Amino acid sequence: MSESTQKEVPWILWPFYALWKVLTLILNITGRIICAVLGLALMATGVAISLSIIGAIIGVPLASFGFLLVVRALF
């Protein structure tokens, strides 16, 4: 349906464009790492809470949410 057309960056603006690309790459990588670490922590907390029968009501959804965060960080 819609074709994405990439516009050429004028040579005078190229340093700013390159800096912007590097900053977005760094922020994307940092966000993925934080998401993965947070997901692992939530999974560990969910499993620890699920060891008691009463805590399973909170622990299972917490662990599954952590798992979904890790999957999101990987893909």
N, C-alpha and C. Protein backbone atom coordinates (compact mmCIF):
# COMPACT_ATOMS: atom_id res chain seq x y z
N MET A 1 0.81 -1.18 0.00
CA MET A 1 0.00 0.00 0.00
C MET A 1 0.86 1.26 0.00
N SER A 2 1.59 1.46 1.08
CA SER A 2 2.40 2.67 1.13
C SER A 2 3.87 2.28 1.00
N GLU A 3 4.53 2.99 0.17
CA GLU A 3 5.94 2.75 -0.04
C GLU A 3 6.73 3.76 0.78
N SER A 4 7.69 3.26 1.53
CA SER A 4 8.52 4.18 2.30
C SER A 4 9.67 4.64 1.41
N THR A 5 9.76 5.91 1.24
CA THR A 5 10.83 6.48 0.43
C THR A 5 11.83 7.13 1.36
N GLN A 6 13.08 6.78 1.15
CA GLN A 6 14.11 7.39 1.97
C GLN A 6 14.67 8.60 1.24
N LYS A 7 14.66 9.71 1.92
CA LYS A 7 15.18 10.93 1.34
C LYS A 7 16.68 11.00 1.61
N GLU A 8 17.37 11.53 0.68
CA GLU A 8 18.80 11.71 0.86
C GLU A 8 19.06 12.85 1.83
N VAL A 9 20.01 12.65 2.69
CA VAL A 9 20.39 13.68 3.65
C VAL A 9 21.41 14.59 2.97
N PRO A 10 21.17 15.90 3.02
CA PRO A 10 22.16 16.82 2.43
C PRO A 10 23.52 16.66 3.10
N TRP A 11 24.55 16.84 2.35
CA TRP A 11 25.89 16.60 2.87
C TRP A 11 26.22 17.50 4.05
N ILE A 12 25.65 18.67 4.10
CA ILE A 12 25.95 19.59 5.21
C ILE A 12 25.33 19.13 6.52
N LEU A 13 24.24 18.36 6.43
CA LEU A 13 23.56 17.86 7.63
C LEU A 13 23.98 16.45 8.01
N TRP A 14 24.88 15.85 7.23
CA TRP A 14 25.25 14.47 7.46
C TRP A 14 25.85 14.23 8.84
N PRO A 15 26.71 15.09 9.40
CA PRO A 15 27.24 14.83 10.75
C PRO A 15 26.14 14.76 11.82
N PHE A 16 25.13 15.60 11.70
CA PHE A 16 24.03 15.57 12.66
C PHE A 16 23.21 14.30 12.49
N TYR A 17 23.02 13.88 11.25
CA TYR A 17 22.29 12.65 10.96
C TYR A 17 23.03 11.45 11.53
N ALA A 18 24.34 11.40 11.35
CA ALA A 18 25.15 10.29 11.87
C ALA A 18 25.12 10.27 13.40
N LEU A 19 25.21 11.43 14.03
CA LEU A 19 25.15 11.50 15.48
C LEU A 19 23.80 11.03 16.00
N TRP A 20 22.74 11.41 15.31
CA TRP A 20 21.39 10.99 15.69
C TRP A 20 21.24 9.47 15.58
N LYS A 21 21.78 8.88 14.52
CA LYS A 21 21.72 7.43 14.34
C LYS A 21 22.49 6.70 15.44
N VAL A 22 23.65 7.21 15.82
CA VAL A 22 24.44 6.59 16.89
C VAL A 22 23.71 6.67 18.22
N LEU A 23 23.11 7.83 18.51
CA LEU A 23 22.37 7.99 19.76
C LEU A 23 21.16 7.05 19.82
N THR A 24 20.43 6.91 18.72
CA THR A 24 19.29 6.01 18.73
C THR A 24 19.73 4.56 18.87
N LEU A 25 20.86 4.19 18.28
CA LEU A 25 21.38 2.83 18.44
C LEU A 25 21.74 2.55 19.90
N ILE A 26 22.41 3.50 20.54
CA ILE A 26 22.80 3.33 21.94
C ILE A 26 21.57 3.22 22.83
N LEU A 27 20.57 4.07 22.59
CA LEU A 27 19.36 4.02 23.41
C LEU A 27 18.57 2.73 23.18
N ASN A 28 18.54 2.24 21.96
CA ASN A 28 17.85 0.97 21.69
C ASN A 28 18.53 -0.19 22.40
N ILE A 29 19.85 -0.24 22.35
CA ILE A 29 20.58 -1.33 23.01
C ILE A 29 20.41 -1.24 24.52
N THR A 30 20.51 -0.03 25.07
CA THR A 30 20.34 0.15 26.51
C THR A 30 18.94 -0.24 26.95
N GLY A 31 17.94 0.15 26.19
CA GLY A 31 16.57 -0.21 26.53
C GLY A 31 16.33 -1.70 26.51
N ARG A 32 16.92 -2.40 25.55
CA ARG A 32 16.77 -3.85 25.49
C ARG A 32 17.44 -4.53 26.68
N ILE A 33 18.62 -4.04 27.06
CA ILE A 33 19.32 -4.63 28.20
C ILE A 33 18.54 -4.41 29.49
N ILE A 34 18.03 -3.20 29.68
CA ILE A 34 17.24 -2.91 30.88
C ILE A 34 15.97 -3.76 30.90
N CYS A 35 15.34 -3.93 29.76
CA CYS A 35 14.13 -4.74 29.66
C CYS A 35 14.43 -6.20 30.01
N ALA A 36 15.54 -6.73 29.53
CA ALA A 36 15.90 -8.11 29.82
C ALA A 36 16.23 -8.31 31.29
N VAL A 37 16.97 -7.39 31.88
CA VAL A 37 17.34 -7.51 33.30
C VAL A 37 16.10 -7.39 34.18
N LEU A 38 15.22 -6.45 33.86
CA LEU A 38 13.99 -6.29 34.62
C LEU A 38 13.10 -7.53 34.49
N GLY A 39 13.04 -8.10 33.30
CA GLY A 39 12.26 -9.31 33.09
C GLY A 39 12.81 -10.48 33.89
N LEU A 40 14.12 -10.64 33.91
CA LEU A 40 14.72 -11.72 34.70
C LEU A 40 14.46 -11.52 36.18
N ALA A 41 14.54 -10.29 36.64
CA ALA A 41 14.27 -10.02 38.06
C ALA A 41 12.82 -10.31 38.41
N LEU A 42 11.89 -9.93 37.53
CA LEU A 42 10.48 -10.21 37.79
C LEU A 42 10.19 -11.71 37.75
N MET A 43 10.86 -12.43 36.85
CA MET A 43 10.67 -13.88 36.81
C MET A 43 11.17 -14.53 38.09
N ALA A 44 12.33 -14.12 38.55
CA ALA A 44 12.88 -14.69 39.79
C ALA A 44 11.99 -14.36 40.98
N THR A 45 11.50 -13.13 41.04
CA THR A 45 10.61 -12.74 42.13
C THR A 45 9.30 -13.51 42.06
N GLY A 46 8.76 -13.69 40.87
CA GLY A 46 7.51 -14.43 40.70
C GLY A 46 7.65 -15.87 41.11
N VAL A 47 8.77 -16.49 40.76
CA VAL A 47 9.00 -17.89 41.15
C VAL A 47 9.18 -17.98 42.66
N ALA A 48 9.89 -17.04 43.26
CA ALA A 48 10.09 -17.06 44.70
C ALA A 48 8.78 -16.87 45.45
N ILE A 49 7.92 -16.00 44.95
CA ILE A 49 6.63 -15.78 45.60
C ILE A 49 5.72 -16.99 45.40
N SER A 50 5.87 -17.66 44.25
CA SER A 50 4.99 -18.80 43.93
C SER A 50 5.30 -20.04 44.77
N LEU A 51 6.35 -20.03 45.52
CA LEU A 51 6.68 -21.21 46.32
C LEU A 51 5.65 -21.46 47.41
N SER A 52 4.96 -20.43 47.84
CA SER A 52 3.86 -20.64 48.77
C SER A 52 2.55 -20.70 47.99
N ILE A 53 1.59 -21.42 48.49
CA ILE A 53 0.33 -21.59 47.78
C ILE A 53 -0.41 -20.26 47.66
N ILE A 54 -0.45 -19.48 48.72
CA ILE A 54 -1.16 -18.21 48.70
C ILE A 54 -0.46 -17.21 47.79
N GLY A 55 0.85 -17.26 47.75
CA GLY A 55 1.60 -16.33 46.91
C GLY A 55 1.53 -16.65 45.43
N ALA A 56 1.02 -17.85 45.09
CA ALA A 56 0.94 -18.23 43.68
C ALA A 56 -0.02 -17.34 42.90
N ILE A 57 -0.99 -16.77 43.60
CA ILE A 57 -1.94 -15.88 42.93
C ILE A 57 -1.22 -14.66 42.36
N ILE A 58 -0.22 -14.18 43.05
CA ILE A 58 0.55 -13.02 42.58
C ILE A 58 1.80 -13.47 41.82
N GLY A 59 2.40 -14.56 42.23
CA GLY A 59 3.68 -14.99 41.66
C GLY A 59 3.60 -15.47 40.23
N VAL A 60 2.57 -16.21 39.87
CA VAL A 60 2.47 -16.74 38.51
C VAL A 60 2.31 -15.62 37.48
N PRO A 61 1.39 -14.67 37.69
CA PRO A 61 1.32 -13.56 36.71
C PRO A 61 2.60 -12.72 36.68
N LEU A 62 3.25 -12.57 37.82
CA LEU A 62 4.49 -11.79 37.86
C LEU A 62 5.59 -12.49 37.06
N ALA A 63 5.70 -13.80 37.22
CA ALA A 63 6.71 -14.55 36.47
C ALA A 63 6.38 -14.56 34.98
N SER A 64 5.12 -14.67 34.63
CA SER A 64 4.77 -14.67 33.21
C SER A 64 5.01 -13.29 32.59
N PHE A 65 4.75 -12.23 33.33
CA PHE A 65 5.04 -10.88 32.84
C PHE A 65 6.55 -10.71 32.64
N GLY A 66 7.35 -11.22 33.57
CA GLY A 66 8.81 -11.17 33.41
C GLY A 66 9.28 -11.94 32.19
N PHE A 67 8.65 -13.10 31.96
CA PHE A 67 9.00 -13.88 30.77
C PHE A 67 8.67 -13.11 29.49
N LEU A 68 7.52 -12.46 29.47
CA LEU A 68 7.14 -11.68 28.28
C LEU A 68 8.10 -10.51 28.06
N LEU A 69 8.58 -9.91 29.14
CA LEU A 69 9.56 -8.83 28.98
C LEU A 69 10.88 -9.34 28.39
N VAL A 70 11.30 -10.52 28.83
CA VAL A 70 12.54 -11.09 28.29
C VAL A 70 12.36 -11.44 26.81
N VAL A 71 11.21 -12.01 26.46
CA VAL A 71 10.96 -12.31 25.06
C VAL A 71 10.96 -11.03 24.22
N ARG A 72 10.36 -9.98 24.75
CA ARG A 72 10.34 -8.70 24.04
C ARG A 72 11.75 -8.13 23.88
N ALA A 73 12.59 -8.34 24.88
CA ALA A 73 13.96 -7.82 24.79
C ALA A 73 14.79 -8.59 23.76
N LEU A 74 14.48 -9.87 23.58
CA LEU A 74 15.26 -10.67 22.65
C LEU A 74 14.82 -10.50 21.21
N PHE A 75 13.55 -10.27 20.98
CA PHE A 75 13.04 -10.22 19.59
C PHE A 75 12.48 -8.88 19.26
